[in-house]
PDB file of N, CA and C in Angstrom:
ATOM      1  N   UNK A   1      21.679  48.319  39.272  1.00  0.00           N
ATOM      2  CA  UNK A   1      21.072  47.372  40.044  1.00  0.00           C
ATOM      3  C   UNK A   1      19.901  46.708  39.265  1.00  0.00           C
ATOM      4  N   UNK A   2      19.472  47.112  38.279  1.00  0.00           N
ATOM      5  CA  UNK A   2      18.320  46.576  37.665  1.00  0.00           C
ATOM      6  C   UNK A   2      18.874  45.583  36.710  1.00  0.00           C
ATOM      7  N   UNK A   3      18.299  44.348  36.603  1.00  0.00           N
ATOM      8  CA  UNK A   3      18.587  43.348  35.548  1.00  0.00           C
ATOM      9  C   UNK A   3      17.762  43.338  34.494  1.00  0.00           C
ATOM     10  N   UNK A   4      18.507  43.190  33.336  1.00  0.00           N
ATOM     11  CA  UNK A   4      17.670  43.253  32.043  1.00  0.00           C
ATOM     12  C   UNK A   4      16.903  41.907  31.855  1.00  0.00           C
ATOM     13  N   UNK A   5      15.801  41.937  31.459  1.00  0.00           N
ATOM     14  CA  UNK A   5      14.832  40.822  31.351  1.00  0.00           C
ATOM     15  C   UNK A   5      14.519  40.680  29.829  1.00  0.00           C
ATOM     16  N   UNK A   6      14.297  39.586  29.260  1.00  0.00           N
ATOM     17  CA  UNK A   6      13.995  39.375  27.951  1.00  0.00           C
ATOM     18  C   UNK A   6      12.588  39.824  27.788  1.00  0.00           C
ATOM     19  N   UNK A   7      12.310  40.447  26.589  1.00  0.00           N
ATOM     20  CA  UNK A   7      10.961  40.823  26.307  1.00  0.00           C
ATOM     21  C   UNK A   7      10.069  39.548  25.855  1.00  0.00           C
ATOM     22  N   UNK A   8      10.693  38.635  25.420  1.00  0.00           N
ATOM     23  CA  UNK A   8       9.832  37.333  24.985  1.00  0.00           C
ATOM     24  C   UNK A   8      10.495  36.171  25.753  1.00  0.00           C
ATOM     25  N   UNK A   9       9.616  35.587  26.621  1.00  0.00           N
ATOM     26  CA  UNK A   9      10.176  34.501  27.484  1.00  0.00           C
ATOM     27  C   UNK A   9      10.801  33.519  26.827  1.00  0.00           C
ATOM     28  N   UNK A  10      10.380  33.181  25.607  1.00  0.00           N
ATOM     29  CA  UNK A  10      10.861  32.039  24.568  1.00  0.00           C
ATOM     30  C   UNK A  10      11.500  32.756  23.461  1.00  0.00           C
ATOM     31  N   UNK A  11      12.693  33.075  23.587  1.00  0.00           N
ATOM     32  CA  UNK A  11      13.323  33.767  22.591  1.00  0.00           C
ATOM     33  C   UNK A  11      13.886  32.820  21.402  1.00  0.00           C
ATOM     34  N   UNK A  12      13.860  31.685  21.793  1.00  0.00           N
ATOM     35  CA  UNK A  12      14.364  30.766  20.542  1.00  0.00           C
ATOM     36  C   UNK A  12      13.264  30.525  19.738  1.00  0.00           C
ATOM     37  N   UNK A  13      11.833  30.954  19.800  1.00  0.00           N
ATOM     38  CA  UNK A  13      10.899  30.907  18.860  1.00  0.00           C
ATOM     39  C   UNK A  13      11.197  32.039  17.675  1.00  0.00           C
ATOM     40  N   UNK A  14      11.658  33.135  18.233  1.00  0.00           N
ATOM     41  CA  UNK A  14      12.133  33.931  17.102  1.00  0.00           C
ATOM     42  C   UNK A  14      13.211  33.572  16.156  1.00  0.00           C
ATOM     43  N   UNK A  15      14.008  32.672  16.670  1.00  0.00           N
ATOM     44  CA  UNK A  15      15.192  32.186  15.822  1.00  0.00           C
ATOM     45  C   UNK A  15      15.142  30.796  15.297  1.00  0.00           C
ATOM     46  N   UNK A  16      13.908  30.385  15.131  1.00  0.00           N
ATOM     47  CA  UNK A  16      13.371  29.089  14.584  1.00  0.00           C
ATOM     48  C   UNK A  16      13.691  28.806  13.373  1.00  0.00           C
ATOM     49  N   UNK A  17      13.685  30.065  12.472  1.00  0.00           N
ATOM     50  CA  UNK A  17      13.877  29.838  11.023  1.00  0.00           C
ATOM     51  C   UNK A  17      15.310  29.429  10.765  1.00  0.00           C
ATOM     52  N   UNK A  18      16.264  29.973  11.603  1.00  0.00           N
ATOM     53  CA  UNK A  18      17.846  29.546  11.392  1.00  0.00           C
ATOM     54  C   UNK A  18      18.007  28.116  11.664  1.00  0.00           C
ATOM     55  N   UNK A  19      17.163  27.397  12.278  1.00  0.00           N
ATOM     56  CA  UNK A  19      17.349  25.915  12.675  1.00  0.00           C
ATOM     57  C   UNK A  19      16.600  25.026  12.050  1.00  0.00           C
ATOM     58  N   UNK A  20      15.915  25.561  10.892  1.00  0.00           N
ATOM     59  CA  UNK A  20      15.058  24.541  10.016  1.00  0.00           C
ATOM     60  C   UNK A  20      15.904  23.432   9.417  1.00  0.00           C
ATOM     61  N   UNK A  21      15.268  22.388   9.470  1.00  0.00           N
ATOM     62  CA  UNK A  21      15.942  21.155   9.038  1.00  0.00           C
ATOM     63  C   UNK A  21      15.797  20.957   7.549  1.00  0.00           C
ATOM     64  N   UNK A  22      16.800  20.409   6.933  1.00  0.00           N
ATOM     65  CA  UNK A  22      16.505  20.292   5.406  1.00  0.00           C
ATOM     66  C   UNK A  22      16.333  18.838   5.077  1.00  0.00           C
ATOM     67  N   UNK A  23      15.942  17.999   5.987  1.00  0.00           N
ATOM     68  CA  UNK A  23      15.439  16.642   5.969  1.00  0.00           C
ATOM     69  C   UNK A  23      14.050  16.620   5.464  1.00  0.00           C
ATOM     70  N   UNK A  24      13.641  15.983   4.262  1.00  0.00           N
ATOM     71  CA  UNK A  24      12.222  15.801   3.993  1.00  0.00           C
ATOM     72  C   UNK A  24      11.642  14.504   4.409  1.00  0.00           C
ATOM     73  N   UNK A  25      10.515  14.496   4.922  1.00  0.00           N
ATOM     74  CA  UNK A  25       9.812  13.311   5.376  1.00  0.00           C
ATOM     75  C   UNK A  25       9.705  12.467   4.178  1.00  0.00           C
ATOM     76  N   UNK A  26       9.618  11.127   4.541  1.00  0.00           N
ATOM     77  CA  UNK A  26       9.302  10.068   3.593  1.00  0.00           C
ATOM     78  C   UNK A  26       8.128  10.415   2.742  1.00  0.00           C
ATOM     79  N   UNK A  27       7.952  10.065   1.523  1.00  0.00           N
ATOM     80  CA  UNK A  27       6.644  10.202   0.901  1.00  0.00           C
ATOM     81  C   UNK A  27       5.598   9.280   1.480  1.00  0.00           C
ATOM     82  N   UNK A  28       4.153   9.802   1.355  1.00  0.00           N
ATOM     83  CA  UNK A  28       3.249   8.798   1.964  1.00  0.00           C
ATOM     84  C   UNK A  28       2.843   7.659   1.073  1.00  0.00           C
ATOM     85  N   UNK A  29       2.776   6.682   1.729  1.00  0.00           N
ATOM     86  CA  UNK A  29       2.566   5.431   1.035  1.00  0.00           C
ATOM     87  C   UNK A  29       0.980   5.397   0.676  1.00  0.00           C
ATOM     88  N   UNK A  30       0.746   5.171  -0.522  1.00  0.00           N
ATOM     89  CA  UNK A  30      -0.671   5.028  -0.953  1.00  0.00           C
ATOM     90  C   UNK A  30      -1.197   3.672  -0.744  1.00  0.00           C
ATOM     91  N   UNK A  31      -2.483   3.491  -0.361  1.00  0.00           N
ATOM     92  CA  UNK A  31      -2.967   2.367   0.043  1.00  0.00           C
ATOM     93  C   UNK A  31      -3.229   1.528  -1.162  1.00  0.00           C
ATOM     94  N   UNK A  32      -3.136   0.194  -1.182  1.00  0.00           N
ATOM     95  CA  UNK A  32      -3.429  -0.689  -2.343  1.00  0.00           C
ATOM     96  C   UNK A  32      -4.929  -0.679  -2.507  1.00  0.00           C
ATOM     97  N   UNK A  33      -5.386  -1.273  -3.646  1.00  0.00           N
ATOM     98  CA  UNK A  33      -6.876  -1.495  -3.932  1.00  0.00           C
ATOM     99  C   UNK A  33      -7.471  -2.227  -3.060  1.00  0.00           C
ATOM    100  N   UNK A  34      -6.835  -3.412  -2.435  1.00  0.00           N
ATOM    101  CA  UNK A  34      -7.449  -4.195  -1.454  1.00  0.00           C
ATOM    102  C   UNK A  34      -7.839  -3.569  -0.250  1.00  0.00           C
ATOM    103  N   UNK A  35      -6.658  -2.586   0.079  1.00  0.00           N
ATOM    104  CA  UNK A  35      -6.858  -1.900   1.373  1.00  0.00           C
ATOM    105  C   UNK A  35      -8.066  -0.970   1.242  1.00  0.00           C
ATOM    106  N   UNK A  36      -8.038  -0.300   0.066  1.00  0.00           N
ATOM    107  CA  UNK A  36      -9.370   0.651  -0.068  1.00  0.00           C
ATOM    108  C   UNK A  36     -10.543  -0.106  -0.173  1.00  0.00           C
ATOM    109  N   UNK A  37     -10.669  -1.337  -0.673  1.00  0.00           N
ATOM    110  CA  UNK A  37     -11.861  -2.138  -0.688  1.00  0.00           C
ATOM    111  C   UNK A  37     -12.254  -2.421   0.698  1.00  0.00           C
ATOM    112  N   UNK A  38     -11.202  -2.780   1.441  1.00  0.00           N
ATOM    113  CA  UNK A  38     -11.516  -3.214   2.747  1.00  0.00           C
ATOM    114  C   UNK A  38     -11.958  -2.130   3.578  1.00  0.00           C
ATOM    115  N   UNK A  39     -11.444  -0.894   3.483  1.00  0.00           N
ATOM    116  CA  UNK A  39     -11.952   0.411   4.199  1.00  0.00           C
ATOM    117  C   UNK A  39     -13.309   0.682   3.822  1.00  0.00           C
ATOM    118  N   UNK A  40     -13.732   0.527   2.231  1.00  0.00           N
ATOM    119  CA  UNK A  40     -14.952   0.770   1.960  1.00  0.00           C
ATOM    120  C   UNK A  40     -16.110  -0.256   2.597  1.00  0.00           C
ATOM    121  N   UNK A  41     -15.611  -1.553   2.534  1.00  0.00           N
ATOM    122  CA  UNK A  41     -16.639  -2.506   3.174  1.00  0.00           C
ATOM    123  C   UNK A  41     -16.713  -2.189   4.564  1.00  0.00           C
ATOM    124  N   UNK A  42     -15.769  -1.886   5.459  1.00  0.00           N
ATOM    125  CA  UNK A  42     -16.035  -1.637   6.768  1.00  0.00           C
ATOM    126  C   UNK A  42     -16.868  -0.409   6.907  1.00  0.00           C
ATOM    127  N   UNK A  43     -16.575   0.615   6.222  1.00  0.00           N
ATOM    128  CA  UNK A  43     -17.495   1.821   6.221  1.00  0.00           C
ATOM    129  C   UNK A  43     -18.932   1.620   5.885  1.00  0.00           C
ATOM    130  N   UNK A  44     -19.111   0.742   4.850  1.00  0.00           N
ATOM    131  CA  UNK A  44     -20.640   0.363   4.505  1.00  0.00           C
ATOM    132  C   UNK A  44     -21.256  -0.434   5.617  1.00  0.00           C
ATOM    133  N   UNK A  45     -20.563  -1.238   6.198  1.00  0.00           N
ATOM    134  CA  UNK A  45     -20.983  -2.310   7.236  1.00  0.00           C
ATOM    135  C   UNK A  45     -21.352  -1.277   8.567  1.00  0.00           C
ATOM    136  N   UNK A  46     -20.684  -0.337   8.868  1.00  0.00           N
ATOM    137  CA  UNK A  46     -20.917   0.590   9.889  1.00  0.00           C
ATOM    138  C   UNK A  46     -22.207   1.427   9.531  1.00  0.00           C
ATOM    139  N   UNK A  47     -22.216   1.839   8.379  1.00  0.00           N
ATOM    140  CA  UNK A  47     -23.287   2.703   7.947  1.00  0.00           C
ATOM    141  C   UNK A  47     -24.723   1.851   8.013  1.00  0.00           C
ATOM    142  N   UNK A  48     -24.409   0.651   7.311  1.00  0.00           N
ATOM    143  CA  UNK A  48     -25.571  -0.308   7.221  1.00  0.00           C
ATOM    144  C   UNK A  48     -26.049  -0.669   8.709  1.00  0.00           C
ATOM    145  N   UNK A  49     -25.139  -0.926   9.603  1.00  0.00           N
ATOM    146  CA  UNK A  49     -25.594  -1.097  10.983  1.00  0.00           C
ATOM    147  C   UNK A  49     -26.378  -0.031  11.549  1.00  0.00           C
ATOM    148  N   UNK A  50     -25.934   1.214  11.420  1.00  0.00           N
ATOM    149  CA  UNK A  50     -26.727   2.235  11.974  1.00  0.00           C
ATOM    150  C   UNK A  50     -27.985   2.516  11.402  1.00  0.00           C
ATOM    151  N   UNK A  51     -28.106   2.299  10.100  1.00  0.00           N
ATOM    152  CA  UNK A  51     -29.445   2.484   9.300  1.00  0.00           C
ATOM    153  C   UNK A  51     -30.289   1.394   9.795  1.00  0.00           C
ATOM    154  N   UNK A  52     -29.833   0.109   9.977  1.00  0.00           N
ATOM    155  CA  UNK A  52     -30.584  -0.878  10.303  1.00  0.00           C
ATOM    156  C   UNK A  52     -31.136  -0.633  11.945  1.00  0.00           C
ATOM    157  N   UNK A  53     -30.294  -0.287  12.701  1.00  0.00           N
ATOM    158  CA  UNK A  53     -30.675  -0.135  14.055  1.00  0.00           C
ATOM    159  C   UNK A  53     -31.712   1.084  14.121  1.00  0.00           C
ATOM    160  N   UNK A  54     -31.672   2.099  13.212  1.00  0.00           N
ATOM    161  CA  UNK A  54     -32.707   2.975  13.179  1.00  0.00           C
ATOM    162  C   UNK A  54     -33.987   2.471  12.735  1.00  0.00           C
ATOM    163  N   UNK A  55     -33.724   1.697  11.722  1.00  0.00           N
ATOM    164  CA  UNK A  55     -35.216   1.065  11.188  1.00  0.00           C
ATOM    165  C   UNK A  55     -35.877   0.052  12.141  1.00  0.00           C
ATOM    166  N   UNK A  56     -35.019  -0.580  12.892  1.00  0.00           N
ATOM    167  CA  UNK A  56     -35.883  -1.668  13.807  1.00  0.00           C
ATOM    168  C   UNK A  56     -36.027  -0.766  15.170  1.00  0.00           C
ATOM    169  N   UNK A  57     -35.344   0.326  15.454  1.00  0.00           N
ATOM    170  CA  UNK A  57     -35.525   1.075  16.773  1.00  0.00           C
ATOM    171  C   UNK A  57     -36.593   1.992  16.792  1.00  0.00           C
ATOM    172  N   UNK A  58     -36.812   2.529  15.526  1.00  0.00           N
ATOM    173  CA  UNK A  58     -37.971   3.687  15.568  1.00  0.00           C
ATOM    174  C   UNK A  58     -39.245   3.417  15.890  1.00  0.00           C
ATOM    175  N   UNK A  59     -39.759   2.168  15.441  1.00  0.00           N
ATOM    176  CA  UNK A  59     -41.167   1.706  15.927  1.00  0.00           C
ATOM    177  C   UNK A  59     -41.097   1.561  17.452  1.00  0.00           C
ATOM    178  N   UNK A  60     -40.179   1.135  18.178  1.00  0.00           N
ATOM    179  CA  UNK A  60     -40.280   1.072  19.513  1.00  0.00           C
ATOM    180  C   UNK A  60     -40.184   2.314  20.326  1.00  0.00           C
ATOM    181  N   UNK A  61     -39.873   3.468  19.495  1.00  0.00           N
ATOM    182  CA  UNK A  61     -39.625   4.768  20.202  1.00  0.00           C
ATOM    183  C   UNK A  61     -40.947   5.709  19.713  1.00  0.00           C
ATOM    184  N   UNK A  62     -42.038   5.137  19.013  1.00  0.00           N
ATOM    185  CA  UNK A  62     -43.153   5.711  18.602  1.00  0.00           C
ATOM    186  C   UNK A  62     -43.959   6.083  20.022  1.00  0.00           C
ATOM    187  N   UNK A  63     -44.635   6.962  19.956  1.00  0.00           N
ATOM    188  CA  UNK A  63     -45.432   7.306  21.241  1.00  0.00           C
ATOM    189  C   UNK A  63     -46.983   7.239  20.859  1.00  0.00           C
ATOM    190  N   UNK A  64     -47.386   6.085  20.064  1.00  0.00           N
ATOM    191  CA  UNK A  64     -48.711   5.924  19.801  1.00  0.00           C
ATOM    192  C   UNK A  64     -49.476   5.538  20.937  1.00  0.00           C
ATOM    193  N   UNK A  65     -50.582   6.041  21.247  1.00  0.00           N
ATOM    194  CA  UNK A  65     -51.402   5.818  22.528  1.00  0.00           C
ATOM    195  C   UNK A  65     -52.217   4.470  22.276  1.00  0.00           C
ATOM    196  N   UNK A  66     -52.609   4.247  20.993  1.00  0.00           N
ATOM    197  CA  UNK A  66     -53.491   3.059  20.815  1.00  0.00           C
ATOM    198  C   UNK A  66     -52.496   1.934  20.245  1.00  0.00           C
ATOM    199  N   UNK A  67     -52.265   0.835  20.946  1.00  0.00           N
ATOM    200  CA  UNK A  67     -51.445  -0.234  20.673  1.00  0.00           C
ATOM    201  C   UNK A  67     -52.122  -0.998  19.438  1.00  0.00           C
ATOM    202  N   UNK A  68     -51.273  -1.444  18.663  1.00  0.00           N
ATOM    203  CA  UNK A  68     -51.824  -2.283  17.297  1.00  0.00           C
ATOM    204  C   UNK A  68     -52.461  -3.430  17.802  1.00  0.00           C
ATOM    205  N   UNK A  69     -51.948  -4.228  18.701  1.00  0.00           N
ATOM    206  CA  UNK A  69     -52.776  -5.306  19.245  1.00  0.00           C
ATOM    207  C   UNK A  69     -52.993  -5.198  20.820  1.00  0.00           C
ATOM    208  N   UNK A  70     -53.885  -5.388  21.386  1.00  0.00           N
ATOM    209  CA  UNK A  70     -54.034  -5.365  22.665  1.00  0.00           C
ATOM    210  C   UNK A  70     -53.751  -6.710  23.376  1.00  0.00           C
ATOM    211  N   UNK A  71     -53.070  -6.642  24.493  1.00  0.00           N
ATOM    212  CA  UNK A  71     -52.772  -7.982  25.088  1.00  0.00           C
ATOM    213  C   UNK A  71     -53.763  -8.223  26.212  1.00  0.00           C
ATOM    214  N   UNK A  72     -54.648  -9.156  25.993  1.00  0.00           N
ATOM    215  CA  UNK A  72     -55.697  -9.550  27.032  1.00  0.00           C
ATOM    216  C   UNK A  72     -55.377 -10.921  27.421  1.00  0.00           C
ATOM    217  N   UNK A  73     -55.629 -11.172  28.615  1.00  0.00           N
ATOM    218  CA  UNK A  73     -55.444 -12.576  28.983  1.00  0.00           C
ATOM    219  C   UNK A  73     -56.648 -13.386  28.702  1.00  0.00           C
ATOM    220  N   UNK A  74     -56.609 -14.725  28.553  1.00  0.00           N
ATOM    221  CA  UNK A  74     -57.829 -15.524  28.048  1.00  0.00           C
ATOM    222  C   UNK A  74     -58.746 -15.569  29.372  1.00  0.00           C
ATOM    223  N   UNK A  75     -58.231 -15.345  30.523  1.00  0.00           N
ATOM    224  CA  UNK A  75     -59.109 -15.363  31.961  1.00  0.00           C
ATOM    225  C   UNK A  75     -60.004 -14.203  31.762  1.00  0.00           C
ATOM    226  N   UNK A  76     -59.368 -12.899  31.414  1.00  0.00           N
ATOM    227  CA  UNK A  76     -60.323 -11.832  31.417  1.00  0.00           C
ATOM    228  C   UNK A  76     -61.389 -11.783  30.305  1.00  0.00           C
ATOM    229  N   UNK A  77     -61.177 -12.592  29.175  1.00  0.00           N
ATOM    230  CA  UNK A  77     -62.163 -12.683  28.177  1.00  0.00           C
ATOM    231  C   UNK A  77     -63.424 -13.466  28.392  1.00  0.00           C
ATOM    232  N   UNK A  78     -63.160 -14.398  29.336  1.00  0.00           N
ATOM    233  CA  UNK A  78     -64.240 -15.394  29.806  1.00  0.00           C
ATOM    234  C   UNK A  78     -65.133 -14.735  30.769  1.00  0.00           C
ATOM    235  N   UNK A  79     -65.169 -13.731  31.275  1.00  0.00           N
ATOM    236  CA  UNK A  79     -65.877 -13.100  32.374  1.00  0.00           C
ATOM    237  C   UNK A  79     -67.150 -12.556  31.674  1.00  0.00           C
TER     238      UNK A  79
END
């Protein structure tokens, strides 16, 4: 009355070597010089944008307590 169960639920995994395909994938196409130059320019633009945002953004993030120039209205100076 006992039914035989497979030890491995996916028995086809063990037989995968028998069903290997002999079809080779096509060779990878190498990018042309213009494509490489375009990728380099895009990369440099992205890196330049990040560096520029850091250069312009870091002064705004400083926690200096004394401001470089105080903003006082003309009305408060006349008193």
